[in-house]
């Protein structure tokens, strides 16, 4: 698949390029500053296309250029909106991703992408948006997979962005890794393979120690919920922990917990409708995003201890599958009556959160999960839903979404209203709401917090069910959001 790079000047961008993409606000394209320095034919064609183009989310226009040796053969213009609503990011990561994922393919040669940005601070988010438009994974057999490079130059009216290029490149690489993992089918990415991928990704990072609790080890440590969900699968459930503990760490540790359901059949509440089980390989999107963010944070040498906990399981069916009406004592010590085996993600995440929180004593715990279909009704396909017990943490998450280009929106946090949804006559709680019309996405996130609410923790839950997977492809969503949020704390 295409190799991504970020370059520091226009000659490096245009060298051997067969396709040139210019993306900027339409007004800036008409003004002409993003086009300065381009070959005359490309500059003139871009100005004409921009004058006639109408921006749309994910829109682009293209034309062929005169055949001149050493210059691009085709031109793609991505006219971005001049103004956007306050809940969209000025990095334009989403616009770029939507525009480029189906156009400007590097099938016949190098693609050069020039991004005209208003601020240099937008470069990381914009580059991540572009990177996510060129995912790694494909099993198509019709012809050779493209190996031509995709080069990106970020520029403002003051000139090329040259600072922090390595960090920008690493962010795009991490997002594409998350995409590849989510796109892999469960036959290729069971829990064993997922742990192997995780260990391979963090190998060589300084100050990182990786451990895992596998199968019956989970029972010995009290993670009976995670064990129950995954015990019927061929590959054992596990909690993989990566502990980044630099000697100069400052402040309290931060815990990152990811839902890593490599496949979700629904368990004995089988997803029998034709479309309900399809794409459930994406149910480890939260863990993939957390792993990607952990890589960017640790590779940058952040001076903060960070504990990554990935709860890996396959929610399968079989003689040993956990059942409706079972009562399971969770790691928190609270008992759970199972009333829905398809509400398994919260069980896994809650056990992992409780174990990590009680073992490492962080003051901030962030979890990410493709938790509910209700998230799409609450905040849509492109904005994750945020549930948190801390108003400042909520504001930081929203700001991180806007600065990274991974949009998010807060939803209701109200234990007073939602705890009763889990009332059980025989246990401390059930695992699924009684009334799905009572803010079920909020209530589902709250269920995780109910297993750590006795601790002195600032907690933030990210439900990314919608933005993590779009049109049967992983998007790489969440890496930027989590990275920016942790850096802001």
Protein backbone atom coordinates (compact mmCIF):
# COMPACT_ATOMS: atom_id res chain seq x y z
CA UNK A 1 0.00 0.00 0.00
CA UNK A 2 1.15 3.60 -0.54
CA UNK A 3 3.86 4.99 1.69
CA UNK A 4 3.07 8.34 3.29
CA UNK A 5 5.58 11.12 3.85
CA UNK A 6 5.52 14.76 4.86
CA UNK A 7 8.06 17.03 3.15
CA UNK A 8 9.48 20.45 3.85
CA UNK A 9 9.58 22.18 0.47
CA UNK A 10 7.88 22.35 -2.91
CA UNK A 11 10.69 20.81 -5.03
CA UNK A 12 10.66 17.69 -2.83
CA UNK A 13 6.88 17.52 -3.11
CA UNK A 14 6.78 17.79 -6.91
CA UNK A 15 9.73 15.53 -7.70
CA UNK A 16 8.50 12.60 -9.84
CA UNK A 17 4.86 13.42 -9.02
CA UNK A 18 2.27 12.17 -11.50
CA UNK A 19 -0.73 13.70 -9.71
CA UNK A 20 -0.84 17.02 -7.89
CA UNK A 21 -3.54 17.70 -5.30
CA UNK A 22 -4.07 21.20 -3.97
CA UNK A 23 -6.40 21.56 -1.00
CA UNK A 24 -7.24 24.89 0.62
CA UNK A 25 -10.16 27.17 1.35
CA UNK A 26 -11.82 28.21 -1.88
CA UNK A 27 -11.19 31.90 -1.14
CA UNK A 28 -7.49 31.21 -0.63
CA UNK A 29 -7.30 29.25 -3.89
CA UNK A 30 -8.88 32.16 -5.72
CA UNK A 31 -6.55 34.58 -3.92
CA UNK A 32 -3.71 32.40 -5.18
CA UNK A 33 -1.26 32.17 -2.31
CA UNK A 34 -1.37 28.34 -2.03
CA UNK A 35 -0.48 28.16 -5.73
CA UNK A 36 2.69 30.25 -5.56
CA UNK A 37 5.67 28.34 -6.89
CA UNK A 38 3.68 25.71 -8.78
CA UNK A 39 4.37 25.11 -12.48
CA UNK A 40 2.50 27.64 -14.59
CA UNK A 41 0.12 25.11 -16.14
CA UNK A 42 -0.87 23.72 -12.74
CA UNK A 43 -1.22 27.20 -11.24
CA UNK A 44 -3.46 28.47 -14.05
CA UNK A 45 -5.63 25.33 -14.11
CA UNK A 46 -6.03 25.39 -10.33
CA UNK A 47 -7.16 29.00 -10.38
CA UNK A 48 -9.76 28.26 -13.07
CA UNK A 49 -11.09 25.18 -11.29
CA UNK A 50 -11.31 26.99 -7.97
CA UNK A 51 -13.26 29.86 -9.48
CA UNK A 52 -15.94 27.45 -10.72
CA UNK A 53 -15.92 24.99 -7.81
CA UNK A 54 -18.46 24.83 -5.04
CA UNK A 55 -17.13 23.48 -1.75
CA UNK A 56 -18.86 20.45 -0.32
CA UNK A 57 -17.93 18.03 2.42
CA UNK A 58 -15.65 15.64 0.61
CA UNK A 59 -15.81 17.38 -2.78
CA UNK A 60 -13.04 17.63 -5.37
CA UNK A 61 -12.56 18.50 -9.04
CA UNK A 62 -9.81 17.34 -11.38
CA UNK A 63 -8.31 17.95 -14.80
CA UNK A 64 -5.44 16.76 -16.98
CA UNK A 65 -2.43 19.02 -17.37
CA UNK A 66 -0.35 19.55 -20.51
CA UNK A 67 2.24 16.83 -20.93
CA UNK A 68 5.51 18.41 -19.80
CA UNK A 69 8.55 16.41 -18.82
CA UNK A 70 9.17 16.38 -15.10
CA UNK A 71 5.80 17.89 -14.18
CA UNK A 72 2.57 16.36 -12.84
CA UNK A 73 0.20 14.95 -15.44
CA UNK A 74 -3.06 15.49 -13.58
CA UNK A 75 -4.43 18.00 -11.09
CA UNK A 76 -7.00 17.57 -8.32
CA UNK A 77 -8.43 20.58 -6.52
CA UNK A 78 -10.09 20.19 -3.12
CA UNK A 79 -11.93 23.45 -2.42
CA UNK A 80 -12.60 23.61 1.32
CA UNK A 81 -15.36 25.67 2.88
CA UNK A 82 -14.31 29.24 3.63
CA UNK A 83 -16.24 29.08 6.91
CA UNK A 84 -17.34 26.08 8.94
CA UNK A 85 -19.64 25.60 11.89
CA UNK A 86 -18.24 25.77 15.40
CA UNK A 87 -18.45 22.00 15.93
CA UNK A 88 -16.04 21.25 13.06
CA UNK A 89 -12.27 21.47 13.19
CA UNK A 90 -10.24 24.15 11.46
CA UNK A 91 -7.66 21.47 10.67
CA UNK A 92 -10.16 20.29 8.01
CA UNK A 93 -9.11 16.70 8.68
CA UNK A 94 -12.59 15.34 7.99
CA UNK A 95 -13.03 17.28 4.74
CA UNK A 96 -9.65 16.09 3.51
CA UNK A 97 -10.32 12.49 4.47
CA UNK A 98 -13.70 12.41 2.75
CA UNK A 99 -12.40 14.14 -0.38
CA UNK A 100 -9.29 12.03 -0.90
CA UNK A 101 -10.38 8.53 0.09
CA UNK A 102 -12.00 7.93 -3.31
CA UNK A 103 -9.87 10.19 -5.53
CA UNK A 104 -6.21 10.91 -6.21
CA UNK A 105 -5.23 7.25 -5.91
CA UNK A 106 -1.51 6.53 -6.35
CA UNK A 107 -2.17 3.75 -8.87
CA UNK A 108 -0.13 5.21 -11.71
CA UNK A 109 2.56 7.12 -9.84
CA UNK A 110 3.42 9.41 -6.99
CA UNK A 111 0.73 11.68 -5.60
CA UNK A 112 1.84 15.09 -4.32
CA UNK A 113 -0.57 16.85 -1.95
CA UNK A 114 -0.22 20.54 -1.14
CA UNK A 115 -2.27 21.65 1.87
CA UNK A 116 -2.93 25.37 2.22
CA UNK A 117 -3.56 25.97 5.92
CA UNK A 118 -4.40 29.10 7.86
CA UNK A 119 -2.16 28.14 10.80
CA UNK A 120 0.89 25.90 11.16
CA UNK A 121 -0.74 24.36 14.25
CA UNK A 122 -3.29 22.72 11.94
CA UNK A 123 -0.64 20.67 10.14
CA UNK A 124 -0.79 17.57 12.35
CA UNK A 125 -4.56 17.19 12.15
CA UNK A 126 -4.63 17.92 8.43
CA UNK A 127 -1.87 15.39 7.72
CA UNK A 128 -3.66 12.76 9.78
CA UNK A 129 -6.83 13.39 7.76
CA UNK A 130 -4.90 12.88 4.53
CA UNK A 131 -3.08 9.80 5.87
CA UNK A 132 -6.35 8.16 6.81
CA UNK A 133 -7.52 8.50 3.20
CA UNK A 134 -4.81 6.01 2.18
CA UNK A 135 -5.28 2.96 4.45
CA UNK A 136 -2.91 0.01 4.52
CA UNK A 137 -5.18 -2.98 4.30
CA UNK A 138 -6.41 -4.63 1.10
CA UNK A 139 -6.85 -8.21 -0.06
CA UNK A 140 -7.95 -7.41 -3.61
CA UNK A 141 -6.37 -9.64 -6.23
CA UNK A 142 -7.11 -7.60 -9.36
CA UNK A 143 -3.70 -6.21 -10.25
CA UNK A 144 -0.79 -5.23 -8.06
CA UNK A 145 -1.45 -3.16 -4.96
CA UNK A 146 -0.22 0.40 -5.32
CA UNK A 147 3.22 1.00 -3.88
CA UNK A 148 3.65 4.52 -5.24
CA UNK A 149 4.31 7.15 -2.58
CA UNK A 150 2.02 9.90 -1.34
CA UNK A 151 3.89 13.04 -0.29
CA UNK A 152 2.33 15.93 1.62
CA UNK A 153 3.48 19.51 2.04
CA UNK A 154 1.72 21.68 4.62
CA UNK A 155 1.98 25.41 3.99
CA UNK A 156 0.59 28.67 5.29
CA UNK A 157 0.68 32.10 3.65
CA UNK A 158 4.04 32.58 5.38
CA UNK A 159 5.57 29.50 3.76
CA UNK A 160 6.08 25.77 4.22
CA UNK A 161 5.57 24.19 7.62
CA UNK A 162 8.96 22.75 8.56
CA UNK A 163 8.74 22.33 12.34
CA UNK A 164 7.95 19.01 14.04
CA UNK A 165 7.75 17.06 10.77
CA UNK A 166 8.79 13.83 12.47
CA UNK A 167 5.99 14.15 15.03
CA UNK A 168 3.52 14.94 12.25
CA UNK A 169 4.64 11.88 10.30
CA UNK A 170 4.40 9.68 13.41
CA UNK A 171 0.84 10.81 14.05
CA UNK A 172 -0.22 9.84 10.54
CA UNK A 173 1.57 6.50 10.84
CA UNK A 174 -0.21 5.71 14.11
CA UNK A 175 -3.61 6.52 12.63
CA UNK A 176 -2.95 4.22 9.68
CA UNK A 177 -1.85 1.45 12.04
CA UNK A 178 -5.16 1.77 13.89
CA UNK A 179 -6.95 1.56 10.54
CA UNK A 180 -5.10 -1.57 9.50
CA UNK A 181 -5.85 -3.35 12.76
CA UNK A 182 -9.56 -2.52 12.58
CA UNK A 183 -9.76 -3.55 8.93
CA UNK A 184 -8.20 -6.97 9.61
CA UNK A 185 -10.83 -9.74 9.80
CA UNK A 186 -11.02 -11.74 13.01
CA UNK A 187 -9.56 -14.75 11.22
CA UNK A 188 -6.33 -12.74 11.00
CA UNK A 189 -6.66 -10.73 14.21
CA UNK A 190 -7.80 -12.93 17.06
CA UNK A 191 -6.74 -12.01 20.59
CA UNK A 192 -3.39 -13.78 20.20
CA UNK A 193 -2.58 -11.87 17.02
CA UNK A 194 -3.81 -8.60 18.55
CA UNK A 195 -1.46 -9.01 21.49
CA UNK A 196 1.37 -9.83 19.09
CA UNK A 197 0.62 -6.70 17.04
CA UNK A 198 0.58 -4.62 20.22
CA UNK A 199 3.90 -5.95 21.45
CA UNK A 200 5.45 -5.45 18.03
CA UNK A 201 4.20 -1.86 17.86
CA UNK A 202 5.68 -0.84 21.23
CA UNK A 203 8.90 -2.85 20.85
CA UNK A 204 11.90 -0.58 21.20
CA UNK A 205 10.04 2.30 22.81
CA UNK A 206 11.98 3.52 25.83
CA UNK A 207 10.58 3.04 29.33
CA UNK A 208 7.72 0.77 28.16
CA UNK A 209 7.00 -2.55 29.89
CA UNK A 210 4.36 -4.89 28.46
CA UNK A 211 2.56 -7.59 30.43
CA UNK A 212 -0.62 -9.59 29.89
CA UNK A 213 -3.20 -11.54 31.83
CA UNK A 214 -4.49 -14.41 29.70
CA UNK A 215 -7.31 -16.90 30.16
CA UNK A 216 -7.44 -18.28 33.68
CA UNK A 217 -4.99 -15.59 34.81
CA UNK A 218 -7.95 -13.23 34.50
CA UNK A 219 -9.93 -15.33 36.96
CA UNK A 220 -7.03 -15.39 39.39
CA UNK A 221 -6.92 -11.56 39.33
CA UNK A 222 -10.69 -11.14 39.60
CA UNK A 223 -11.47 -10.09 36.02
CA UNK A 224 -14.38 -12.52 35.78
CA UNK A 225 -16.39 -10.32 33.43
CA UNK A 226 -13.71 -10.10 30.74
CA UNK A 227 -13.09 -13.83 31.12
CA UNK A 228 -16.79 -14.69 30.79
CA UNK A 229 -17.22 -12.70 27.58
CA UNK A 230 -14.27 -14.33 25.82
CA UNK A 231 -14.03 -17.80 27.33
CA UNK A 232 -15.97 -19.60 24.57
CA UNK A 233 -13.70 -18.36 21.76
CA UNK A 234 -10.83 -20.42 20.35
CA UNK A 235 -8.32 -17.75 21.41
CA UNK A 236 -8.38 -16.85 25.10
CA UNK A 237 -9.43 -13.41 26.35
CA UNK A 238 -6.72 -11.24 27.77
CA UNK A 239 -5.80 -7.88 29.25
CA UNK A 240 -2.64 -6.46 27.68
CA UNK A 241 -0.99 -3.68 29.67
CA UNK A 242 1.73 -1.36 28.36
CA UNK A 243 3.25 0.77 31.12
CA UNK A 244 5.21 3.83 30.01
CA UNK A 245 7.09 5.07 33.08
CA UNK A 246 9.87 7.54 32.23
CA UNK A 247 12.28 8.40 35.03
CA UNK A 248 11.45 12.11 34.74
CA UNK A 249 7.66 11.61 34.80
CA UNK A 250 5.68 14.51 36.23
CA UNK A 251 2.17 14.58 37.66
CA UNK A 252 -0.15 11.68 38.34
CA UNK A 253 -0.37 8.67 35.99
CA UNK A 254 -2.95 8.61 33.22
CA UNK A 255 -4.71 5.37 32.30
CA UNK A 256 -5.94 4.62 28.77
CA UNK A 257 -8.38 1.72 28.43
CA UNK A 258 -9.49 0.34 25.07
CA UNK A 259 -12.27 -2.05 24.14
CA UNK A 260 -10.68 -4.79 22.03
CA UNK A 261 -13.53 -7.07 20.94
CA UNK A 262 -11.90 -8.68 17.91
CA UNK A 263 -15.35 -9.93 16.89
CA UNK A 264 -18.82 -9.63 18.36
CA UNK A 265 -21.45 -12.19 17.40
CA UNK A 266 -23.68 -10.91 20.18
CA UNK A 267 -23.06 -14.08 22.15
CA UNK A 268 -26.23 -16.05 22.92
CA UNK A 269 -28.12 -12.84 22.09
CA UNK A 270 -26.99 -13.63 18.56
CA UNK A 271 -27.00 -10.78 16.04
CA UNK A 272 -29.31 -12.72 13.72
CA UNK A 273 -30.47 -9.93 11.41
CA UNK A 274 -28.54 -9.97 8.13
CA UNK A 275 -26.83 -6.63 8.65
CA UNK A 276 -26.32 -6.65 12.41
CA UNK A 277 -23.28 -8.92 12.62
CA UNK A 278 -21.57 -7.71 9.46
CA UNK A 279 -18.58 -5.42 10.13
CA UNK A 280 -18.27 -6.51 13.76
CA UNK A 281 -14.53 -6.88 13.20
CA UNK A 282 -14.60 -3.14 13.92
CA UNK A 283 -15.52 -3.74 17.57
CA UNK A 284 -11.90 -3.31 18.64
CA UNK A 285 -11.74 0.23 17.26
CA UNK A 286 -11.38 1.71 20.73
CA UNK A 287 -8.35 -0.44 21.52
CA UNK A 288 -6.78 0.36 18.15
CA UNK A 289 -7.22 4.09 18.74
CA UNK A 290 -5.76 3.83 22.24
CA UNK A 291 -2.76 1.89 20.96
CA UNK A 292 -2.15 4.47 18.23
CA UNK A 293 -2.33 7.35 20.71
CA UNK A 294 -0.04 5.51 23.14
CA UNK A 295 2.54 5.20 20.35
CA UNK A 296 2.48 8.91 19.47
CA UNK A 297 2.63 9.97 23.11
CA UNK A 298 5.47 7.70 24.15
CA UNK A 299 7.50 8.19 20.99
CA UNK A 300 7.47 11.93 21.67
CA UNK A 301 8.98 11.37 25.12
CA UNK A 302 6.06 12.84 27.02
CA UNK A 303 6.95 13.34 30.69
CA UNK A 304 3.93 11.58 32.12
CA UNK A 305 3.42 8.01 33.21
CA UNK A 306 0.83 6.40 30.92
CA UNK A 307 -0.71 2.98 31.44
CA UNK A 308 -2.41 1.43 28.42
CA UNK A 309 -4.87 -1.37 29.10
CA UNK A 310 -6.38 -3.24 26.14
CA UNK A 311 -9.24 -5.61 26.98
CA UNK A 312 -9.16 -8.25 24.23
CA UNK A 313 -11.83 -10.88 23.69
CA UNK A 314 -14.07 -12.47 21.08
CA UNK A 315 -17.74 -12.59 22.01
CA UNK A 316 -18.52 -15.98 20.54
CA UNK A 317 -21.00 -18.76 21.15
CA UNK A 318 -20.42 -22.31 22.25
CA UNK A 319 -20.99 -24.75 25.13
CA UNK A 320 -19.02 -22.50 27.48
CA UNK A 321 -20.61 -19.19 26.46
CA UNK A 322 -21.83 -16.98 29.24
CA UNK A 323 -25.60 -16.92 29.50
CA UNK A 324 -28.46 -14.53 30.16
CA UNK A 325 -29.36 -14.77 33.88
CA UNK A 326 -25.79 -15.62 34.87
CA UNK A 327 -24.54 -13.58 37.83
CA UNK A 328 -20.88 -12.57 37.60
CA UNK A 329 -18.79 -10.85 40.22
CA UNK A 330 -16.83 -8.14 38.46
CA UNK A 331 -13.32 -7.03 39.37
CA UNK A 332 -14.84 -4.08 41.23
CA UNK A 333 -16.52 -6.55 43.59
CA UNK A 334 -19.97 -5.64 42.33
CA UNK A 335 -22.23 -8.41 41.06
CA UNK A 336 -23.83 -8.26 37.63
CA UNK A 337 -26.87 -10.13 36.38
CA UNK A 338 -26.52 -10.70 32.66
CA UNK A 339 -29.63 -9.57 30.80
CA UNK A 340 -27.96 -9.03 27.42
CA UNK A 341 -24.90 -10.93 26.18
CA UNK A 342 -24.64 -8.40 23.34
CA UNK A 343 -23.83 -5.67 25.88
CA UNK A 344 -20.42 -7.25 26.37
CA UNK A 345 -18.09 -4.35 25.63
CA UNK A 346 -18.89 -2.48 28.80
CA UNK A 347 -18.20 -5.66 30.81
CA UNK A 348 -14.72 -5.97 29.33
CA UNK A 349 -13.89 -2.28 29.63
CA UNK A 350 -15.23 -2.02 33.19
CA UNK A 351 -13.12 -4.97 34.36
CA UNK A 352 -10.02 -3.56 32.67
CA UNK A 353 -10.67 -0.07 34.07
CA UNK A 354 -11.18 -1.40 37.59
CA UNK A 355 -8.03 -3.53 37.47
CA UNK A 356 -5.81 -0.78 36.05
CA UNK A 357 -7.26 1.91 38.33
CA UNK A 358 -6.80 -0.15 41.50
CA UNK A 359 -3.35 -1.44 40.51
CA UNK A 360 -1.71 1.74 39.19
CA UNK A 361 -3.75 4.45 40.96
CA UNK A 362 -4.02 6.99 38.13
CA UNK A 363 -5.86 10.25 38.71
CA UNK A 364 -7.25 10.34 35.15
CA UNK A 365 -8.76 7.38 33.33
CA UNK A 366 -9.92 7.60 29.73
CA UNK A 367 -11.65 4.73 27.98
CA UNK A 368 -12.52 4.38 24.30
CA UNK A 369 -14.98 1.88 22.89
CA UNK A 370 -17.24 1.18 19.94
CA UNK A 371 -19.84 0.79 22.64
CA UNK A 372 -23.34 1.55 21.32
CA UNK A 373 -25.29 1.98 18.14
CA UNK A 374 -27.14 4.64 20.11
CA UNK A 375 -24.05 6.84 19.82
CA UNK A 376 -24.84 7.42 16.16
CA UNK A 377 -28.32 8.64 17.07
CA UNK A 378 -26.86 10.89 19.76
CA UNK A 379 -23.92 12.51 17.95
CA UNK A 380 -23.82 11.10 14.43
CA UNK A 381 -21.32 9.37 12.15
CA UNK A 382 -18.48 11.85 12.54
CA UNK A 383 -18.53 12.95 16.19
CA UNK A 384 -17.74 10.59 19.05
CA UNK A 385 -19.85 10.88 22.20
CA UNK A 386 -18.11 11.96 25.38
CA UNK A 387 -19.37 11.05 28.86
CA UNK A 388 -17.35 12.31 31.82
CA UNK A 389 -17.71 13.01 35.52
CA UNK A 390 -15.57 16.14 35.27
CA UNK A 391 -16.59 19.40 33.57
CA UNK A 392 -13.00 20.50 32.93
CA UNK A 393 -12.18 17.14 31.39
CA UNK A 394 -15.25 17.46 29.16
CA UNK A 395 -14.10 20.87 27.95
CA UNK A 396 -10.59 19.53 27.36
CA UNK A 397 -11.99 16.67 25.27
CA UNK A 398 -14.03 19.01 23.10
CA UNK A 399 -10.99 21.25 22.59
CA UNK A 400 -8.84 18.21 21.77
CA UNK A 401 -11.37 17.16 19.14
CA UNK A 402 -11.22 20.55 17.47
CA UNK A 403 -7.42 20.79 17.60
CA UNK A 404 -6.88 17.24 16.30
CA UNK A 405 -9.69 17.01 13.76
CA UNK A 406 -11.26 14.02 15.55
CA UNK A 407 -14.58 15.62 16.40
CA UNK A 408 -16.49 14.80 19.58
CA UNK A 409 -19.53 16.05 21.45
CA UNK A 410 -20.54 15.72 25.12
CA UNK A 411 -23.63 13.80 26.12
CA UNK A 412 -25.44 13.57 29.42
CA UNK A 413 -23.69 12.43 32.58
CA UNK A 414 -26.30 11.87 35.29
CA UNK A 415 -25.96 8.90 37.65
CA UNK A 416 -29.04 10.15 39.49
CA UNK A 417 -31.18 9.54 36.41
CA UNK A 418 -29.54 6.49 34.86
CA UNK A 419 -28.26 4.17 37.59
CA UNK A 420 -31.80 2.86 38.07
CA UNK A 421 -31.77 1.56 34.48
CA UNK A 422 -29.63 -1.33 35.73
CA UNK A 423 -31.72 -2.36 38.72
CA UNK A 424 -31.67 -6.11 39.43
CA UNK A 425 -33.69 -8.11 41.93
CA UNK A 426 -30.86 -10.58 42.54
CA UNK A 427 -27.58 -8.70 41.94
CA UNK A 428 -26.05 -5.26 42.30
CA UNK A 429 -26.92 -4.44 38.71
CA UNK A 430 -27.84 -5.75 35.29
CA UNK A 431 -25.57 -5.12 32.35
CA UNK A 432 -28.05 -3.52 29.94
CA UNK A 433 -30.58 -0.72 30.31
CA UNK A 434 -34.24 -1.36 31.01
CA UNK A 435 -35.35 1.51 28.76
CA UNK A 436 -33.39 2.15 25.55
CA UNK A 437 -35.15 5.48 25.04
CA UNK A 438 -33.65 6.94 28.24
CA UNK A 439 -30.34 8.26 26.85
CA UNK A 440 -28.95 4.77 26.43
CA UNK A 441 -25.57 5.90 25.08
CA UNK A 442 -25.05 8.02 28.20
CA UNK A 443 -26.29 5.25 30.47
CA UNK A 444 -24.01 2.69 28.80
CA UNK A 445 -20.95 4.82 29.41
CA UNK A 446 -22.07 5.33 32.99
CA UNK A 447 -22.11 1.54 33.51
CA UNK A 448 -18.33 1.51 33.12
CA UNK A 449 -17.93 4.30 35.66
CA UNK A 450 -20.11 2.43 38.17
CA UNK A 451 -17.19 0.02 38.59
CA UNK A 452 -14.67 2.73 39.49
CA UNK A 453 -16.94 5.32 41.12
CA UNK A 454 -15.54 4.54 44.56
CA UNK A 455 -12.11 5.82 43.47
CA UNK A 456 -10.82 9.39 43.32
CA UNK A 457 -10.72 9.54 39.53
CA UNK A 458 -11.36 11.98 36.75
CA UNK A 459 -12.96 9.77 34.12
CA UNK A 460 -13.80 10.27 30.45
CA UNK A 461 -15.55 7.75 28.21
CA UNK A 462 -15.31 8.02 24.41
CA UNK A 463 -17.97 6.15 22.42
CA UNK A 464 -16.61 6.12 18.87
CA UNK A 465 -18.92 3.52 17.30
CA UNK A 466 -19.83 5.82 14.41
CA UNK A 467 -16.64 7.67 13.49
CA UNK A 468 -14.34 4.64 13.83
CA UNK A 469 -15.86 2.76 10.88
CA UNK A 470 -17.41 4.30 7.77
CA UNK A 471 -18.62 2.65 4.56
CA UNK A 472 -17.08 -0.71 5.55
CA UNK A 473 -13.63 0.80 6.14
CA UNK A 474 -11.79 1.76 9.28
CA UNK A 475 -11.13 5.49 9.57
CA UNK A 476 -8.29 5.67 12.08
CA UNK A 477 -10.47 7.90 14.23
CA UNK A 478 -9.50 8.52 17.83
CA UNK A 479 -5.71 8.52 17.69
CA UNK A 480 -5.52 12.29 17.35
CA UNK A 481 -8.29 12.98 19.85
CA UNK A 482 -6.73 10.88 22.61
CA UNK A 483 -3.21 12.14 21.90
CA UNK A 484 -4.31 15.79 22.10
CA UNK A 485 -6.45 15.20 25.18
CA UNK A 486 -3.65 13.55 27.15
CA UNK A 487 -1.21 16.32 26.24
CA UNK A 488 -3.68 18.91 27.49
CA UNK A 489 -3.98 17.36 30.96
